[in-house]
């Protein structure tokens, strides 16, 4: 993977959009986490920061990472403007080269897809290993292509949640799959268009 190309690509994606003032959290995050007690969270591929801000607003302390320096800088400023600067730490990481330090009660990875080479299984395995006992790893992937997606390859195949879990290859004596399904929902794109999409949802809990 050429880190420079990936950085330039994702910086370009975010720079081409106006900075969001109130980005929305992902629906699968809110339905999964609403009843959990707040703790330490890690947001992989934080993008515009909707998930990080939503978690921080509910008492979580969030480390939010992205390969895009534009996304990281915007989230840092946005967290401060929302009065959440003490609960959100935005960090710049190429997850194939570096990984955030610490132990976490929640790690979320929403739509961690890229046109560049990335060993996602290795990244998600690292994410599982930074969970504290009782902590959860929430992986939400695309199960279909939205009209506004940067990837319109008609031949793309999205691995199922069980396939993703198998690729991470975690010891079942330490980690338990709590959810692996493919629900549908109506999504809204950056330009306001709506479409029905499929999510691939994988929830893993560290039991020991």
N, C-alpha and C. Protein backbone atom coordinates (compact mmCIF):
# COMPACT_ATOMS: atom_id res chain seq x y z
N UNK A 1 0.84 -1.20 0.00
CA UNK A 1 0.00 0.00 0.00
C UNK A 1 0.87 1.24 0.00
N UNK A 2 0.55 2.19 -0.86
CA UNK A 2 1.26 3.46 -0.89
C UNK A 2 0.53 4.43 0.04
N UNK A 3 1.14 4.67 1.22
CA UNK A 3 0.49 5.50 2.23
C UNK A 3 0.23 6.91 1.72
N UNK A 4 1.17 7.44 0.93
CA UNK A 4 1.00 8.79 0.40
C UNK A 4 -0.21 8.87 -0.50
N UNK A 5 -0.38 7.88 -1.39
CA UNK A 5 -1.55 7.87 -2.28
C UNK A 5 -2.84 7.76 -1.48
N UNK A 6 -2.85 6.90 -0.47
CA UNK A 6 -4.06 6.72 0.34
C UNK A 6 -4.39 7.99 1.10
N UNK A 7 -3.38 8.63 1.67
CA UNK A 7 -3.59 9.88 2.40
C UNK A 7 -4.15 10.96 1.48
N UNK A 8 -3.55 11.08 0.30
CA UNK A 8 -4.02 12.10 -0.64
C UNK A 8 -5.44 11.81 -1.10
N UNK A 9 -5.76 10.54 -1.32
CA UNK A 9 -7.10 10.17 -1.76
C UNK A 9 -8.14 10.55 -0.71
N UNK A 10 -7.91 10.12 0.55
CA UNK A 10 -8.91 10.37 1.58
C UNK A 10 -8.94 11.84 2.00
N UNK A 11 -7.81 12.52 1.96
CA UNK A 11 -7.84 13.97 2.19
C UNK A 11 -8.70 14.65 1.12
N UNK A 12 -8.56 14.17 -0.12
CA UNK A 12 -9.35 14.74 -1.21
C UNK A 12 -10.84 14.49 -1.04
N UNK A 13 -11.20 13.28 -0.56
CA UNK A 13 -12.61 12.95 -0.34
C UNK A 13 -13.24 13.92 0.66
N UNK A 14 -12.54 14.16 1.79
CA UNK A 14 -13.11 15.02 2.82
C UNK A 14 -12.99 16.50 2.47
N UNK A 15 -11.90 16.88 1.83
CA UNK A 15 -11.74 18.29 1.46
C UNK A 15 -12.77 18.72 0.44
N UNK A 16 -13.27 17.77 -0.37
CA UNK A 16 -14.26 18.10 -1.39
C UNK A 16 -15.64 18.36 -0.80
N UNK A 17 -15.84 17.99 0.47
CA UNK A 17 -17.14 18.20 1.13
C UNK A 17 -17.03 19.39 2.08
N UNK A 18 -18.11 20.12 2.25
CA UNK A 18 -18.11 21.13 3.31
C UNK A 18 -17.97 20.44 4.66
N UNK A 19 -17.28 21.06 5.59
CA UNK A 19 -17.14 20.49 6.93
C UNK A 19 -18.51 20.37 7.59
N UNK A 20 -18.82 19.18 8.11
CA UNK A 20 -20.12 18.96 8.75
C UNK A 20 -20.16 19.66 10.10
N UNK A 21 -21.27 20.32 10.39
CA UNK A 21 -21.42 20.98 11.68
C UNK A 21 -22.05 20.06 12.72
N UNK A 22 -22.88 19.13 12.27
CA UNK A 22 -23.54 18.20 13.18
C UNK A 22 -23.66 16.84 12.50
N UNK A 23 -22.54 16.15 12.30
CA UNK A 23 -22.59 14.85 11.61
C UNK A 23 -23.40 13.83 12.40
N UNK A 24 -24.14 13.00 11.66
CA UNK A 24 -24.99 12.00 12.30
C UNK A 24 -24.19 10.75 12.67
N UNK A 25 -24.54 10.11 13.78
CA UNK A 25 -23.91 8.83 14.09
C UNK A 25 -24.50 7.73 13.21
N UNK A 26 -23.76 6.67 13.05
CA UNK A 26 -24.26 5.53 12.29
C UNK A 26 -25.35 4.80 13.05
N UNK A 27 -26.38 4.39 12.32
CA UNK A 27 -27.54 3.77 12.95
C UNK A 27 -27.18 2.49 13.70
N UNK A 28 -26.26 1.71 13.18
CA UNK A 28 -25.91 0.45 13.84
C UNK A 28 -25.15 0.70 15.15
N UNK A 29 -24.47 1.82 15.23
CA UNK A 29 -23.81 2.16 16.49
C UNK A 29 -24.85 2.51 17.55
N UNK A 30 -25.79 3.38 17.21
CA UNK A 30 -26.75 3.84 18.21
C UNK A 30 -27.63 2.69 18.70
N UNK A 31 -28.00 1.77 17.82
CA UNK A 31 -28.86 0.67 18.25
C UNK A 31 -28.10 -0.35 19.10
N UNK A 32 -26.78 -0.41 18.94
CA UNK A 32 -25.98 -1.39 19.65
C UNK A 32 -25.49 -0.87 20.99
N UNK A 33 -25.18 0.42 21.07
CA UNK A 33 -24.44 0.96 22.20
C UNK A 33 -25.31 1.72 23.19
N UNK A 34 -26.52 2.09 22.82
CA UNK A 34 -27.34 2.98 23.65
C UNK A 34 -27.48 2.49 25.08
N UNK A 35 -27.56 1.17 25.29
CA UNK A 35 -27.78 0.65 26.63
C UNK A 35 -26.50 0.27 27.37
N UNK A 36 -25.35 0.51 26.75
CA UNK A 36 -24.09 0.16 27.40
C UNK A 36 -23.62 1.30 28.30
N UNK A 37 -22.99 0.97 29.44
CA UNK A 37 -22.43 2.03 30.28
C UNK A 37 -21.23 2.66 29.59
N UNK A 38 -21.04 3.98 29.71
CA UNK A 38 -19.92 4.62 29.02
C UNK A 38 -18.57 4.19 29.59
N UNK A 39 -17.58 4.21 28.73
CA UNK A 39 -16.23 3.86 29.14
C UNK A 39 -15.26 4.46 28.14
N UNK A 40 -14.25 3.69 27.75
CA UNK A 40 -13.26 4.12 26.78
C UNK A 40 -13.59 3.50 25.42
N UNK A 41 -13.70 4.34 24.39
CA UNK A 41 -14.06 3.86 23.05
C UNK A 41 -12.98 4.23 22.05
N UNK A 42 -12.85 3.37 21.05
CA UNK A 42 -11.92 3.60 19.94
C UNK A 42 -12.73 3.55 18.65
N UNK A 43 -12.66 4.63 17.87
CA UNK A 43 -13.40 4.75 16.61
C UNK A 43 -12.40 4.67 15.47
N UNK A 44 -12.42 3.56 14.73
CA UNK A 44 -11.48 3.34 13.64
C UNK A 44 -12.07 3.87 12.33
N UNK A 45 -11.37 4.79 11.68
CA UNK A 45 -11.90 5.41 10.48
C UNK A 45 -13.02 6.37 10.82
N UNK A 46 -12.70 7.37 11.63
CA UNK A 46 -13.74 8.23 12.23
C UNK A 46 -14.44 9.14 11.23
N UNK A 47 -13.80 9.42 10.08
CA UNK A 47 -14.45 10.25 9.07
C UNK A 47 -14.86 11.60 9.61
N UNK A 48 -16.11 11.98 9.39
CA UNK A 48 -16.59 13.30 9.80
C UNK A 48 -16.84 13.41 11.30
N UNK A 49 -16.85 12.27 12.01
CA UNK A 49 -16.88 12.32 13.47
C UNK A 49 -18.23 12.14 14.12
N UNK A 50 -19.25 11.75 13.36
CA UNK A 50 -20.58 11.59 13.93
C UNK A 50 -20.61 10.57 15.06
N UNK A 51 -19.92 9.46 14.88
CA UNK A 51 -19.92 8.42 15.92
C UNK A 51 -19.18 8.89 17.17
N UNK A 52 -18.01 9.49 16.96
CA UNK A 52 -17.21 9.94 18.10
C UNK A 52 -17.95 10.99 18.92
N UNK A 53 -18.60 11.92 18.26
CA UNK A 53 -19.32 12.97 18.98
C UNK A 53 -20.54 12.41 19.70
N UNK A 54 -21.23 11.47 19.08
CA UNK A 54 -22.41 10.85 19.71
C UNK A 54 -21.99 10.10 20.97
N UNK A 55 -20.91 9.35 20.87
CA UNK A 55 -20.41 8.61 22.04
C UNK A 55 -19.97 9.58 23.14
N UNK A 56 -19.21 10.59 22.77
CA UNK A 56 -18.73 11.55 23.77
C UNK A 56 -19.89 12.26 24.45
N UNK A 57 -20.94 12.55 23.70
CA UNK A 57 -22.10 13.20 24.27
C UNK A 57 -22.84 12.35 25.27
N UNK A 58 -22.55 11.04 25.27
CA UNK A 58 -23.16 10.11 26.22
C UNK A 58 -22.18 9.64 27.27
N UNK A 59 -21.08 10.37 27.43
CA UNK A 59 -20.16 10.11 28.52
C UNK A 59 -18.96 9.27 28.20
N UNK A 60 -18.86 8.78 26.97
CA UNK A 60 -17.69 7.99 26.59
C UNK A 60 -16.49 8.91 26.37
N UNK A 61 -15.31 8.38 26.65
CA UNK A 61 -14.06 9.03 26.25
C UNK A 61 -13.57 8.32 24.99
N UNK A 62 -13.42 9.07 23.92
CA UNK A 62 -13.25 8.48 22.60
C UNK A 62 -11.89 8.84 22.01
N UNK A 63 -11.19 7.81 21.55
CA UNK A 63 -10.03 8.00 20.69
C UNK A 63 -10.50 7.73 19.27
N UNK A 64 -10.47 8.75 18.42
CA UNK A 64 -10.98 8.65 17.06
C UNK A 64 -9.81 8.77 16.09
N UNK A 65 -9.69 7.80 15.18
CA UNK A 65 -8.53 7.81 14.29
C UNK A 65 -8.99 7.76 12.83
N UNK A 66 -8.16 8.34 11.97
CA UNK A 66 -8.42 8.30 10.54
C UNK A 66 -7.10 8.50 9.81
N UNK A 67 -7.01 7.98 8.59
CA UNK A 67 -5.83 8.19 7.77
C UNK A 67 -5.80 9.61 7.19
N UNK A 68 -6.98 10.24 7.13
CA UNK A 68 -7.07 11.58 6.56
C UNK A 68 -6.77 12.65 7.62
N UNK A 69 -5.74 13.43 7.37
CA UNK A 69 -5.43 14.54 8.27
C UNK A 69 -6.53 15.58 8.26
N UNK A 70 -7.22 15.73 7.12
CA UNK A 70 -8.34 16.68 7.04
C UNK A 70 -9.44 16.26 8.00
N UNK A 71 -9.78 14.95 8.00
CA UNK A 71 -10.83 14.45 8.89
C UNK A 71 -10.44 14.63 10.35
N UNK A 72 -9.19 14.34 10.68
CA UNK A 72 -8.72 14.47 12.06
C UNK A 72 -8.77 15.91 12.54
N UNK A 73 -8.30 16.83 11.71
CA UNK A 73 -8.30 18.24 12.08
C UNK A 73 -9.72 18.78 12.24
N UNK A 74 -10.61 18.37 11.34
CA UNK A 74 -11.99 18.83 11.44
C UNK A 74 -12.67 18.30 12.69
N UNK A 75 -12.42 17.03 13.01
CA UNK A 75 -13.06 16.46 14.19
C UNK A 75 -12.54 17.12 15.47
N UNK A 76 -11.26 17.40 15.52
CA UNK A 76 -10.70 18.08 16.69
C UNK A 76 -11.39 19.42 16.92
N UNK A 77 -11.55 20.19 15.84
CA UNK A 77 -12.21 21.49 15.96
C UNK A 77 -13.68 21.33 16.30
N UNK A 78 -14.33 20.34 15.71
CA UNK A 78 -15.76 20.14 15.93
C UNK A 78 -16.03 19.72 17.37
N UNK A 79 -15.18 18.83 17.90
CA UNK A 79 -15.36 18.40 19.29
C UNK A 79 -15.25 19.59 20.24
N UNK A 80 -14.31 20.46 19.99
CA UNK A 80 -14.17 21.65 20.83
C UNK A 80 -15.40 22.55 20.73
N UNK A 81 -15.91 22.72 19.51
CA UNK A 81 -17.06 23.61 19.32
C UNK A 81 -18.32 23.05 19.97
N UNK A 82 -18.37 21.71 20.13
CA UNK A 82 -19.51 21.07 20.79
C UNK A 82 -19.30 20.93 22.30
N UNK A 83 -18.19 21.46 22.81
CA UNK A 83 -17.90 21.35 24.23
C UNK A 83 -17.47 19.95 24.64
N UNK A 84 -16.93 19.19 23.69
CA UNK A 84 -16.55 17.79 23.95
C UNK A 84 -15.05 17.56 23.74
N UNK A 85 -14.30 18.64 23.73
CA UNK A 85 -12.87 18.52 23.48
C UNK A 85 -12.13 17.69 24.50
N UNK A 86 -12.69 17.61 25.73
CA UNK A 86 -12.03 16.83 26.77
C UNK A 86 -12.38 15.35 26.68
N UNK A 87 -13.32 14.99 25.80
CA UNK A 87 -13.74 13.59 25.68
C UNK A 87 -13.38 12.97 24.34
N UNK A 88 -12.92 13.76 23.41
CA UNK A 88 -12.58 13.25 22.08
C UNK A 88 -11.12 13.57 21.77
N UNK A 89 -10.34 12.54 21.53
CA UNK A 89 -8.96 12.71 21.08
C UNK A 89 -8.87 12.16 19.67
N UNK A 90 -8.64 13.03 18.70
CA UNK A 90 -8.54 12.61 17.30
C UNK A 90 -7.07 12.41 16.93
N UNK A 91 -6.77 11.26 16.35
CA UNK A 91 -5.39 10.91 16.02
C UNK A 91 -5.29 10.49 14.56
N UNK A 92 -4.16 10.83 13.96
CA UNK A 92 -3.89 10.46 12.57
C UNK A 92 -3.12 9.14 12.55
N UNK A 93 -3.71 8.10 11.95
CA UNK A 93 -3.06 6.80 11.86
C UNK A 93 -3.31 6.17 10.50
N UNK A 94 -2.28 5.60 9.93
CA UNK A 94 -2.42 4.61 8.87
C UNK A 94 -2.44 3.27 9.62
N UNK A 95 -3.60 2.65 9.74
CA UNK A 95 -3.75 1.50 10.63
C UNK A 95 -2.91 0.30 10.23
N UNK A 96 -2.41 0.31 9.02
CA UNK A 96 -1.50 -0.77 8.63
C UNK A 96 -0.10 -0.54 9.17
N UNK A 97 0.20 0.71 9.55
CA UNK A 97 1.54 1.04 10.02
C UNK A 97 1.58 1.34 11.52
N UNK A 98 0.48 1.85 12.10
CA UNK A 98 0.45 2.18 13.52
C UNK A 98 -0.95 1.97 14.05
N UNK A 99 -1.04 1.71 15.36
CA UNK A 99 -2.34 1.45 15.98
C UNK A 99 -2.40 2.20 17.30
N UNK A 100 -3.57 2.76 17.63
CA UNK A 100 -3.69 3.53 18.88
C UNK A 100 -3.36 2.67 20.10
N UNK A 101 -2.80 3.30 21.10
CA UNK A 101 -2.43 2.62 22.33
C UNK A 101 -3.58 2.69 23.34
N UNK A 102 -3.60 1.72 24.25
CA UNK A 102 -4.57 1.76 25.34
C UNK A 102 -5.47 0.55 25.35
N UNK A 103 -6.34 0.50 26.37
CA UNK A 103 -7.35 -0.54 26.49
C UNK A 103 -8.72 0.10 26.34
N UNK A 104 -9.67 -0.63 25.72
CA UNK A 104 -10.96 -0.03 25.38
C UNK A 104 -12.12 -0.95 25.73
N UNK A 105 -13.24 -0.32 26.05
CA UNK A 105 -14.48 -1.04 26.32
C UNK A 105 -15.31 -1.21 25.06
N UNK A 106 -15.00 -0.42 24.06
CA UNK A 106 -15.71 -0.49 22.78
C UNK A 106 -14.75 -0.09 21.67
N UNK A 107 -14.72 -0.88 20.62
CA UNK A 107 -14.03 -0.48 19.40
C UNK A 107 -15.04 -0.59 18.27
N UNK A 108 -15.21 0.48 17.51
CA UNK A 108 -16.14 0.44 16.38
C UNK A 108 -15.40 0.75 15.08
N UNK A 109 -15.75 0.00 14.07
CA UNK A 109 -15.17 0.18 12.73
C UNK A 109 -16.33 0.16 11.74
N UNK A 110 -16.74 1.35 11.32
CA UNK A 110 -17.86 1.47 10.39
C UNK A 110 -17.34 1.73 8.98
N UNK A 111 -17.66 0.80 8.08
CA UNK A 111 -17.37 0.96 6.66
C UNK A 111 -15.88 1.24 6.43
N UNK A 112 -15.06 0.40 7.05
CA UNK A 112 -13.60 0.55 6.94
C UNK A 112 -13.14 -0.10 5.63
N UNK A 113 -13.60 0.50 4.52
CA UNK A 113 -13.26 0.03 3.18
C UNK A 113 -12.36 1.07 2.52
N UNK A 114 -11.49 0.62 1.64
CA UNK A 114 -10.58 1.53 0.97
C UNK A 114 -10.20 0.96 -0.39
N UNK A 115 -9.94 1.81 -1.40
CA UNK A 115 -9.47 1.31 -2.69
C UNK A 115 -8.00 0.91 -2.67
N UNK A 116 -7.34 1.12 -1.53
CA UNK A 116 -5.93 0.80 -1.40
C UNK A 116 -5.77 -0.48 -0.58
N UNK A 117 -4.63 -1.12 -0.74
CA UNK A 117 -4.39 -2.37 -0.03
C UNK A 117 -4.41 -2.16 1.48
N UNK A 118 -5.22 -2.98 2.17
CA UNK A 118 -5.29 -2.91 3.63
C UNK A 118 -5.61 -4.30 4.15
N UNK A 119 -4.80 -4.80 5.06
CA UNK A 119 -5.07 -6.09 5.68
C UNK A 119 -6.09 -5.87 6.79
N UNK A 120 -7.37 -5.85 6.40
CA UNK A 120 -8.42 -5.56 7.38
C UNK A 120 -8.47 -6.58 8.49
N UNK A 121 -8.24 -7.83 8.16
CA UNK A 121 -8.29 -8.87 9.20
C UNK A 121 -7.26 -8.58 10.28
N UNK A 122 -6.06 -8.16 9.88
CA UNK A 122 -5.02 -7.86 10.85
C UNK A 122 -5.40 -6.64 11.69
N UNK A 123 -5.99 -5.63 11.06
CA UNK A 123 -6.42 -4.44 11.79
C UNK A 123 -7.50 -4.79 12.80
N UNK A 124 -8.49 -5.57 12.37
CA UNK A 124 -9.58 -5.93 13.27
C UNK A 124 -9.12 -6.88 14.36
N UNK A 125 -8.13 -7.71 14.06
CA UNK A 125 -7.55 -8.58 15.10
C UNK A 125 -6.86 -7.72 16.16
N UNK A 126 -6.12 -6.71 15.72
CA UNK A 126 -5.50 -5.78 16.68
C UNK A 126 -6.56 -5.09 17.52
N UNK A 127 -7.69 -4.73 16.87
CA UNK A 127 -8.78 -4.07 17.59
C UNK A 127 -9.36 -4.98 18.67
N UNK A 128 -9.52 -6.25 18.35
CA UNK A 128 -10.06 -7.20 19.34
C UNK A 128 -9.12 -7.34 20.52
N UNK A 129 -7.82 -7.27 20.26
CA UNK A 129 -6.85 -7.48 21.33
C UNK A 129 -6.71 -6.27 22.26
N UNK A 130 -7.19 -5.10 21.85
CA UNK A 130 -7.12 -3.96 22.76
C UNK A 130 -8.40 -3.83 23.59
N UNK A 131 -9.35 -4.75 23.39
CA UNK A 131 -10.56 -4.74 24.22
C UNK A 131 -10.25 -5.20 25.63
N UNK A 132 -10.87 -4.55 26.58
CA UNK A 132 -10.84 -5.03 27.96
C UNK A 132 -11.85 -6.17 28.10
N UNK A 133 -11.71 -7.03 29.11
CA UNK A 133 -12.72 -8.07 29.33
C UNK A 133 -14.12 -7.46 29.43
N UNK A 134 -15.05 -8.04 28.68
CA UNK A 134 -16.41 -7.50 28.61
C UNK A 134 -16.59 -6.47 27.51
N UNK A 135 -15.50 -6.03 26.90
CA UNK A 135 -15.58 -5.03 25.84
C UNK A 135 -16.06 -5.62 24.53
N UNK A 136 -16.52 -4.75 23.63
CA UNK A 136 -17.11 -5.19 22.37
C UNK A 136 -16.44 -4.54 21.17
N UNK A 137 -16.32 -5.33 20.12
CA UNK A 137 -15.86 -4.86 18.81
C UNK A 137 -17.05 -4.88 17.87
N UNK A 138 -17.43 -3.70 17.37
CA UNK A 138 -18.54 -3.57 16.44
C UNK A 138 -17.98 -3.25 15.05
N UNK A 139 -18.19 -4.17 14.11
CA UNK A 139 -17.73 -4.00 12.73
C UNK A 139 -18.97 -3.91 11.85
N UNK A 140 -19.14 -2.79 11.18
CA UNK A 140 -20.26 -2.60 10.27
C UNK A 140 -19.69 -2.34 8.88
N UNK A 141 -20.01 -3.24 7.95
CA UNK A 141 -19.52 -3.13 6.58
C UNK A 141 -20.67 -2.91 5.62
N UNK A 142 -20.32 -2.46 4.44
CA UNK A 142 -21.31 -2.40 3.38
C UNK A 142 -21.68 -3.82 2.95
N UNK A 143 -22.98 -4.04 2.76
CA UNK A 143 -23.44 -5.29 2.16
C UNK A 143 -24.01 -5.04 0.78
N UNK A 144 -24.10 -3.78 0.40
CA UNK A 144 -24.56 -3.38 -0.94
C UNK A 144 -23.92 -2.03 -1.25
N UNK A 145 -24.01 -1.62 -2.50
CA UNK A 145 -23.39 -0.38 -2.94
C UNK A 145 -24.43 0.74 -3.01
N UNK A 146 -24.21 1.79 -2.27
CA UNK A 146 -25.10 2.96 -2.32
C UNK A 146 -24.81 3.77 -3.59
N UNK A 147 -25.80 4.49 -4.09
CA UNK A 147 -25.59 5.27 -5.33
C UNK A 147 -24.48 6.31 -5.21
N UNK A 148 -24.20 6.77 -3.99
CA UNK A 148 -23.20 7.83 -3.80
C UNK A 148 -21.83 7.28 -3.40
N UNK A 149 -21.68 5.97 -3.35
CA UNK A 149 -20.40 5.38 -2.93
C UNK A 149 -19.29 5.71 -3.92
N UNK A 150 -18.08 5.88 -3.40
CA UNK A 150 -16.93 6.10 -4.28
C UNK A 150 -16.59 4.84 -5.07
N UNK A 151 -17.07 3.68 -4.62
CA UNK A 151 -16.78 2.41 -5.30
C UNK A 151 -18.03 1.90 -5.98
N UNK A 152 -18.08 2.05 -7.29
CA UNK A 152 -19.24 1.60 -8.07
C UNK A 152 -18.90 0.38 -8.93
N UNK A 153 -17.91 -0.39 -8.49
CA UNK A 153 -17.52 -1.60 -9.21
C UNK A 153 -18.69 -2.59 -9.20
N UNK A 154 -19.26 -2.94 -10.36
CA UNK A 154 -20.41 -3.84 -10.39
C UNK A 154 -20.06 -5.27 -9.99
N UNK A 155 -18.79 -5.59 -9.98
CA UNK A 155 -18.36 -6.96 -9.64
C UNK A 155 -17.91 -7.11 -8.19
N UNK A 156 -18.04 -6.05 -7.42
CA UNK A 156 -17.58 -6.12 -6.04
C UNK A 156 -18.40 -7.13 -5.24
N UNK A 157 -17.73 -7.87 -4.38
CA UNK A 157 -18.41 -8.81 -3.50
C UNK A 157 -18.09 -8.45 -2.06
N UNK A 158 -19.14 -8.33 -1.26
CA UNK A 158 -18.95 -7.95 0.13
C UNK A 158 -18.96 -9.22 1.00
N UNK A 159 -17.88 -9.49 1.74
CA UNK A 159 -17.85 -10.67 2.62
C UNK A 159 -18.95 -10.59 3.68
N UNK A 160 -19.51 -11.74 4.01
CA UNK A 160 -20.55 -11.79 5.05
C UNK A 160 -19.92 -11.55 6.42
N UNK A 161 -20.72 -11.20 7.42
CA UNK A 161 -20.17 -11.03 8.77
C UNK A 161 -19.45 -12.28 9.28
N UNK A 162 -19.98 -13.45 8.99
CA UNK A 162 -19.32 -14.69 9.44
C UNK A 162 -17.98 -14.88 8.74
N UNK A 163 -17.89 -14.47 7.48
CA UNK A 163 -16.61 -14.54 6.78
C UNK A 163 -15.61 -13.57 7.38
N UNK A 164 -16.08 -12.38 7.74
CA UNK A 164 -15.19 -11.41 8.40
C UNK A 164 -14.69 -11.98 9.72
N UNK A 165 -15.60 -12.57 10.50
CA UNK A 165 -15.21 -13.16 11.78
C UNK A 165 -14.20 -14.27 11.58
N UNK A 166 -14.40 -15.10 10.56
CA UNK A 166 -13.46 -16.19 10.30
C UNK A 166 -12.08 -15.63 9.92
N UNK A 167 -12.08 -14.52 9.18
CA UNK A 167 -10.80 -13.91 8.78
C UNK A 167 -10.04 -13.34 9.96
N UNK A 168 -10.78 -12.80 10.95
CA UNK A 168 -10.11 -12.28 12.14
C UNK A 168 -9.50 -13.42 12.95
N UNK A 169 -10.18 -14.58 12.95
CA UNK A 169 -9.65 -15.82 13.53
C UNK A 169 -9.29 -15.65 15.01
N UNK A 170 -10.30 -15.34 15.82
CA UNK A 170 -10.10 -15.14 17.25
C UNK A 170 -10.39 -16.42 18.02
N UNK A 171 -9.72 -16.61 19.13
CA UNK A 171 -9.92 -17.77 19.98
C UNK A 171 -11.30 -17.71 20.61
N UNK A 172 -12.19 -18.68 20.34
CA UNK A 172 -13.54 -18.62 20.90
C UNK A 172 -13.58 -18.73 22.42
N UNK A 173 -12.49 -19.13 23.04
CA UNK A 173 -12.46 -19.16 24.50
C UNK A 173 -12.27 -17.76 25.09
N UNK A 174 -11.88 -16.81 24.25
CA UNK A 174 -11.64 -15.44 24.71
C UNK A 174 -12.60 -14.44 24.11
N UNK A 175 -13.05 -14.70 22.88
CA UNK A 175 -13.96 -13.77 22.19
C UNK A 175 -15.19 -14.53 21.70
N UNK A 176 -16.36 -13.91 21.84
CA UNK A 176 -17.62 -14.52 21.44
C UNK A 176 -18.33 -13.64 20.42
N UNK A 177 -18.80 -14.25 19.34
CA UNK A 177 -19.62 -13.51 18.36
C UNK A 177 -21.03 -13.39 18.92
N UNK A 178 -21.46 -12.15 19.16
CA UNK A 178 -22.80 -11.89 19.69
C UNK A 178 -23.82 -11.57 18.60
N UNK A 179 -23.34 -11.10 17.48
CA UNK A 179 -24.25 -10.76 16.39
C UNK A 179 -23.52 -10.88 15.07
N UNK A 180 -24.18 -11.45 14.08
CA UNK A 180 -23.63 -11.54 12.72
C UNK A 180 -24.82 -11.62 11.77
N UNK A 181 -25.25 -10.48 11.25
CA UNK A 181 -26.42 -10.48 10.38
C UNK A 181 -26.30 -9.39 9.32
N UNK A 182 -27.34 -9.28 8.47
CA UNK A 182 -27.30 -8.37 7.33
C UNK A 182 -28.61 -7.60 7.23
N UNK A 183 -28.88 -6.68 8.16
CA UNK A 183 -30.12 -5.91 8.12
C UNK A 183 -30.10 -4.86 7.01
N UNK A 184 -31.30 -4.45 6.61
CA UNK A 184 -31.44 -3.40 5.60
C UNK A 184 -31.98 -2.13 6.27
N UNK A 185 -31.70 -1.00 5.65
CA UNK A 185 -32.19 0.28 6.16
C UNK A 185 -32.20 1.29 5.03
N UNK A 186 -32.88 2.39 5.23
CA UNK A 186 -32.86 3.51 4.28
C UNK A 186 -31.78 4.47 4.73
N UNK A 187 -30.81 4.71 3.85
CA UNK A 187 -29.67 5.57 4.17
C UNK A 187 -29.78 6.88 3.41
N UNK A 188 -29.15 7.91 3.96
CA UNK A 188 -29.09 9.22 3.33
C UNK A 188 -27.64 9.55 3.00
N UNK A 189 -27.37 9.89 1.74
CA UNK A 189 -26.03 10.19 1.30
C UNK A 189 -25.62 11.62 1.57
N UNK A 190 -24.36 11.96 1.28
CA UNK A 190 -23.85 13.32 1.55
C UNK A 190 -24.63 14.40 0.80
N UNK A 191 -25.24 14.04 -0.34
CA UNK A 191 -25.96 15.04 -1.12
C UNK A 191 -27.46 15.03 -0.83
N UNK A 192 -27.87 14.27 0.20
CA UNK A 192 -29.27 14.25 0.58
C UNK A 192 -30.10 13.17 -0.07
N UNK A 193 -29.54 12.44 -1.04
CA UNK A 193 -30.27 11.34 -1.67
C UNK A 193 -30.47 10.20 -0.68
N UNK A 194 -31.54 9.44 -0.86
CA UNK A 194 -31.80 8.29 -0.01
C UNK A 194 -31.83 7.02 -0.86
N UNK A 195 -31.52 5.90 -0.23
CA UNK A 195 -31.56 4.60 -0.90
C UNK A 195 -31.60 3.51 0.15
N UNK A 196 -32.21 2.39 -0.19
CA UNK A 196 -32.19 1.24 0.71
C UNK A 196 -30.86 0.51 0.55
N UNK A 197 -30.20 0.24 1.66
CA UNK A 197 -28.90 -0.41 1.63
C UNK A 197 -28.89 -1.58 2.62
N UNK A 198 -27.93 -2.46 2.42
CA UNK A 198 -27.72 -3.58 3.34
C UNK A 198 -26.44 -3.34 4.13
N UNK A 199 -26.51 -3.54 5.42
CA UNK A 199 -25.32 -3.49 6.29
C UNK A 199 -24.94 -4.91 6.67
N UNK A 200 -23.66 -5.16 6.78
CA UNK A 200 -23.16 -6.41 7.36
C UNK A 200 -22.66 -6.07 8.77
N UNK A 201 -23.31 -6.63 9.78
CA UNK A 201 -23.04 -6.26 11.16
C UNK A 201 -22.42 -7.44 11.90
N UNK A 202 -21.26 -7.17 12.50
CA UNK A 202 -20.57 -8.17 13.31
C UNK A 202 -20.27 -7.56 14.67
N UNK A 203 -20.70 -8.21 15.74
CA UNK A 203 -20.46 -7.75 17.11
C UNK A 203 -19.77 -8.86 17.87
N UNK A 204 -18.57 -8.56 18.37
CA UNK A 204 -17.77 -9.55 19.09
C UNK A 204 -17.49 -9.02 20.49
N UNK A 205 -17.67 -9.87 21.49
CA UNK A 205 -17.39 -9.49 22.88
C UNK A 205 -16.21 -10.26 23.41
N UNK A 206 -15.33 -9.55 24.10
CA UNK A 206 -14.21 -10.23 24.78
C UNK A 206 -14.70 -10.74 26.11
N UNK A 207 -14.64 -12.04 26.29
CA UNK A 207 -15.21 -12.66 27.50
C UNK A 207 -14.16 -12.93 28.56
N UNK A 208 -12.89 -12.89 28.20
CA UNK A 208 -11.83 -13.20 29.16
C UNK A 208 -10.60 -12.36 28.87
